[in-house]
Protein backbone atom coordinates (compact mmCIF):
# COMPACT_ATOMS: atom_id res chain seq x y z
CA MET A 1 0.00 0.00 0.00
CA SER A 2 1.09 3.59 -0.67
CA ARG A 3 2.49 5.73 2.10
CA LEU A 4 1.15 9.19 2.88
CA ILE A 5 3.07 11.44 5.28
CA LEU A 6 1.67 14.59 6.91
CA PHE A 7 4.53 16.94 7.78
CA ASN A 8 4.38 20.31 9.55
CA LYS A 9 6.99 22.23 7.57
CA PRO A 10 8.70 24.89 9.66
CA TYR A 11 9.42 28.40 8.41
CA GLY A 12 12.64 28.60 6.37
CA VAL A 13 12.63 24.95 5.28
CA LEU A 14 12.60 24.07 1.57
CA SER A 15 10.01 21.61 0.22
CA GLN A 16 12.75 19.33 -1.10
CA PHE A 17 15.27 16.86 0.25
CA THR A 18 18.37 18.67 -1.07
CA PRO A 19 19.64 21.72 0.85
CA GLU A 20 20.23 24.96 -1.04
CA ALA A 21 21.75 28.38 -0.34
CA GLY A 22 21.69 28.24 3.45
CA HIS A 23 18.15 26.84 3.73
CA ARG A 24 17.23 23.77 5.69
CA CYS A 25 15.53 20.92 3.81
CA LEU A 26 13.18 17.98 4.41
CA ALA A 27 16.05 15.50 4.93
CA GLU A 28 16.72 17.17 8.29
CA PHE A 29 13.28 16.04 9.50
CA ILE A 30 12.23 12.99 7.46
CA SER A 31 14.57 10.03 7.06
CA LEU A 32 12.12 7.82 5.13
CA LYS A 33 13.39 6.67 1.75
CA GLY A 34 11.35 7.01 -1.42
CA VAL A 35 8.81 9.64 -0.32
CA TYR A 36 8.47 12.93 -2.17
CA PRO A 37 6.42 16.10 -1.66
CA ALA A 38 3.00 16.25 -3.32
CA GLY A 39 3.03 19.96 -4.06
CA ARG A 40 5.14 22.50 -2.24
CA LEU A 41 5.23 25.34 0.24
CA ASP A 42 7.64 28.24 -0.16
CA ALA A 43 10.47 28.48 2.35
CA ASP A 44 8.76 31.46 4.01
CA SER A 45 5.48 29.56 4.43
CA GLU A 46 4.72 27.02 7.15
CA GLY A 47 2.37 24.17 7.81
CA LEU A 48 0.99 21.04 6.23
CA LEU A 49 3.02 19.42 3.48
CA LEU A 50 1.96 16.01 2.15
CA LEU A 51 4.55 13.48 0.99
CA THR A 52 4.03 10.11 -0.65
CA ASP A 53 5.88 7.25 -2.33
CA ASP A 54 3.12 6.86 -4.95
CA GLY A 55 3.43 8.92 -8.14
CA ARG A 56 -0.27 8.66 -9.01
CA LEU A 57 -1.26 9.78 -5.52
CA GLN A 58 1.27 12.61 -5.71
CA GLN A 59 -0.33 13.76 -8.98
CA ARG A 60 -3.85 13.55 -7.54
CA ILE A 61 -2.89 15.68 -4.52
CA ALA A 62 -0.86 18.31 -6.37
CA ASP A 63 -2.83 18.75 -9.61
CA PRO A 64 -5.41 21.60 -9.42
CA GLN A 65 -7.52 19.61 -11.90
CA HIS A 66 -8.57 17.39 -8.96
CA LYS A 67 -9.58 20.47 -6.92
CA LEU A 68 -8.29 19.20 -3.57
CA PRO A 69 -9.06 22.19 -1.31
CA LYS A 70 -6.12 23.66 0.58
CA THR A 71 -6.83 25.77 3.66
CA TYR A 72 -4.48 28.56 4.67
CA TRP A 73 -4.34 30.72 7.78
CA VAL A 74 -3.00 34.08 6.71
CA GLN A 75 -1.92 36.87 9.02
CA VAL A 76 -2.16 40.13 7.10
CA GLU A 77 -1.21 43.72 7.71
CA GLY A 78 -4.26 45.86 8.44
CA GLU A 79 -7.87 44.81 8.83
CA PRO A 80 -9.58 43.77 5.59
CA THR A 81 -13.14 44.96 5.03
CA GLY A 82 -16.01 42.80 3.84
CA GLU A 83 -15.51 44.33 0.40
CA ALA A 84 -11.86 43.26 0.34
CA LEU A 85 -12.83 39.70 1.34
CA GLU A 86 -15.46 39.68 -1.40
CA ARG A 87 -12.79 40.58 -3.96
CA LEU A 88 -10.75 37.57 -2.81
CA GLN A 89 -13.80 35.30 -2.97
CA GLN A 90 -14.72 36.32 -6.53
CA GLY A 91 -11.23 35.93 -7.99
CA ILE A 92 -8.46 38.46 -8.45
CA GLU A 93 -6.63 39.60 -11.57
CA LEU A 94 -2.93 39.11 -10.80
CA GLY A 95 -1.49 40.13 -14.16
CA ASP A 96 -0.40 36.72 -15.41
CA PHE A 97 -3.68 35.01 -14.43
CA VAL A 98 -7.03 35.49 -12.69
CA THR A 99 -7.50 33.41 -9.55
CA ARG A 100 -10.45 31.06 -9.31
CA PRO A 101 -13.18 31.94 -6.82
CA CYS A 102 -12.21 30.88 -3.31
CA GLU A 103 -13.45 30.95 0.25
CA ALA A 104 -12.09 33.80 2.36
CA ARG A 105 -13.16 34.94 5.82
CA ARG A 106 -11.79 36.64 8.91
CA ILE A 107 -10.94 34.33 11.81
CA ALA A 108 -9.70 34.74 15.36
CA ASP A 109 -6.05 34.01 16.09
CA PRO A 110 -5.76 30.28 15.29
CA ALA A 111 -5.91 28.22 18.49
CA GLY A 112 -2.77 26.24 19.25
CA LEU A 113 -0.66 28.04 16.64
CA TRP A 114 3.02 27.88 17.56
CA PRO A 115 5.17 31.03 17.66
CA ARG A 116 7.06 31.59 14.43
CA ASP A 117 10.84 31.43 14.52
CA PRO A 118 11.90 34.09 13.68
CA PRO A 119 8.88 36.13 14.80
CA ILE A 120 7.07 38.31 12.28
CA ARG A 121 7.81 42.00 12.39
CA SER A 122 5.28 43.96 14.38
CA ARG A 123 4.47 47.62 14.09
CA LYS A 124 3.01 49.40 17.06
CA HIS A 125 0.47 51.46 15.07
CA ILE A 126 -0.54 48.97 12.36
CA PRO A 127 -3.01 46.26 13.37
CA THR A 128 -3.00 42.77 11.90
CA ALA A 129 -5.80 40.31 11.17
CA TRP A 130 -6.06 36.58 10.46
CA LEU A 131 -7.87 35.24 7.42
CA GLU A 132 -8.77 31.71 6.42
CA ILE A 133 -8.47 31.22 2.65
CA VAL A 134 -9.46 27.98 0.92
CA LEU A 135 -8.07 27.50 -2.59
CA ARG A 136 -8.67 24.78 -5.15
CA GLU A 137 -5.65 25.83 -7.17
CA GLY A 138 -2.14 26.71 -6.16
CA ARG A 139 0.07 28.96 -8.21
CA ASN A 140 3.44 30.37 -7.24
CA ARG A 141 3.04 32.67 -4.21
CA GLN A 142 -0.66 32.96 -4.99
CA VAL A 143 -2.01 33.72 -1.50
CA ARG A 144 0.65 36.38 -0.90
CA ARG A 145 -0.09 37.98 -4.26
CA MET A 146 -3.85 37.92 -3.60
CA THR A 147 -3.64 39.62 -0.20
CA ALA A 148 -1.17 42.21 -1.52
CA LYS A 149 -3.58 42.99 -4.37
CA ILE A 150 -6.33 43.90 -1.89
CA GLY A 151 -3.91 46.12 0.07
CA HIS A 152 -3.17 43.74 2.95
CA PRO A 153 0.29 42.17 2.60
CA THR A 154 0.81 38.72 4.09
CA LEU A 155 2.93 38.66 7.24
CA ARG A 156 2.58 34.94 8.02
CA LEU A 157 1.22 32.07 5.95
CA VAL A 158 0.34 28.65 7.41
CA ARG A 159 -1.26 25.79 5.44
CA ALA A 160 -3.68 24.28 7.95
CA ALA A 161 -5.27 21.58 5.77
CA ALA A 162 -5.19 19.82 2.41
CA GLY A 163 -8.40 18.00 1.58
CA PRO A 164 -9.39 15.90 4.61
CA PHE A 165 -5.94 16.17 6.22
CA ARG A 166 -5.33 18.74 8.97
CA LEU A 167 -2.40 19.74 11.14
CA ASP A 168 -4.37 18.78 14.28
CA GLY A 169 -1.66 19.39 16.87
CA LEU A 170 1.25 18.32 14.68
CA GLN A 171 4.16 20.49 15.84
CA PRO A 172 6.66 22.16 13.45
CA GLY A 173 9.21 19.63 12.20
CA ALA A 174 7.04 16.63 13.21
CA TRP A 175 5.32 14.15 10.88
CA ARG A 176 2.86 11.27 11.03
CA GLU A 177 1.45 8.75 8.59
CA ALA A 178 -2.10 8.97 7.27
CA ASP A 179 -4.39 6.69 5.32
CA PRO A 180 -3.86 7.47 1.60
CA ARG A 181 -7.32 6.09 0.79
CA ARG A 182 -8.79 9.28 2.28
CA VAL A 183 -7.53 11.27 -0.74
């Protein structure tokens, strides 16, 4: 049977097993042979990364054609209005493409969220807010580009879920196996 690994990727870690330019990589945390990321998270993003040893499963998870929803918790600069959230929900023109409609809503500070290392910059006179954004596509730096387009740059980005799989208490740098049949 295929293996499916849920990994909580820490900030600053590359979504690959080979280190590069002073960045840490997956090999520092996962010693299993033959598993590879199904999709990716940028080094400056954190949270759920799925890995598998099954190429077909990897394709099913990563390919937007299968519309596996990915849930992100996004700390942004400022406090987005209902109108700004509506713009996100309807799709945003980003120059090289228009995003698909998505779910976007304000949330309270996510419960159980670990402190980021290093911490985000904070400004005394500029408030921040948390959003939950659910995408069924995933282009390069898409969430960051979307929030910047509505005037609220991303300060912290955490993938909380991919399809039925959630972080659920998984600490940064830790992993656990999951049932691949749930994909």
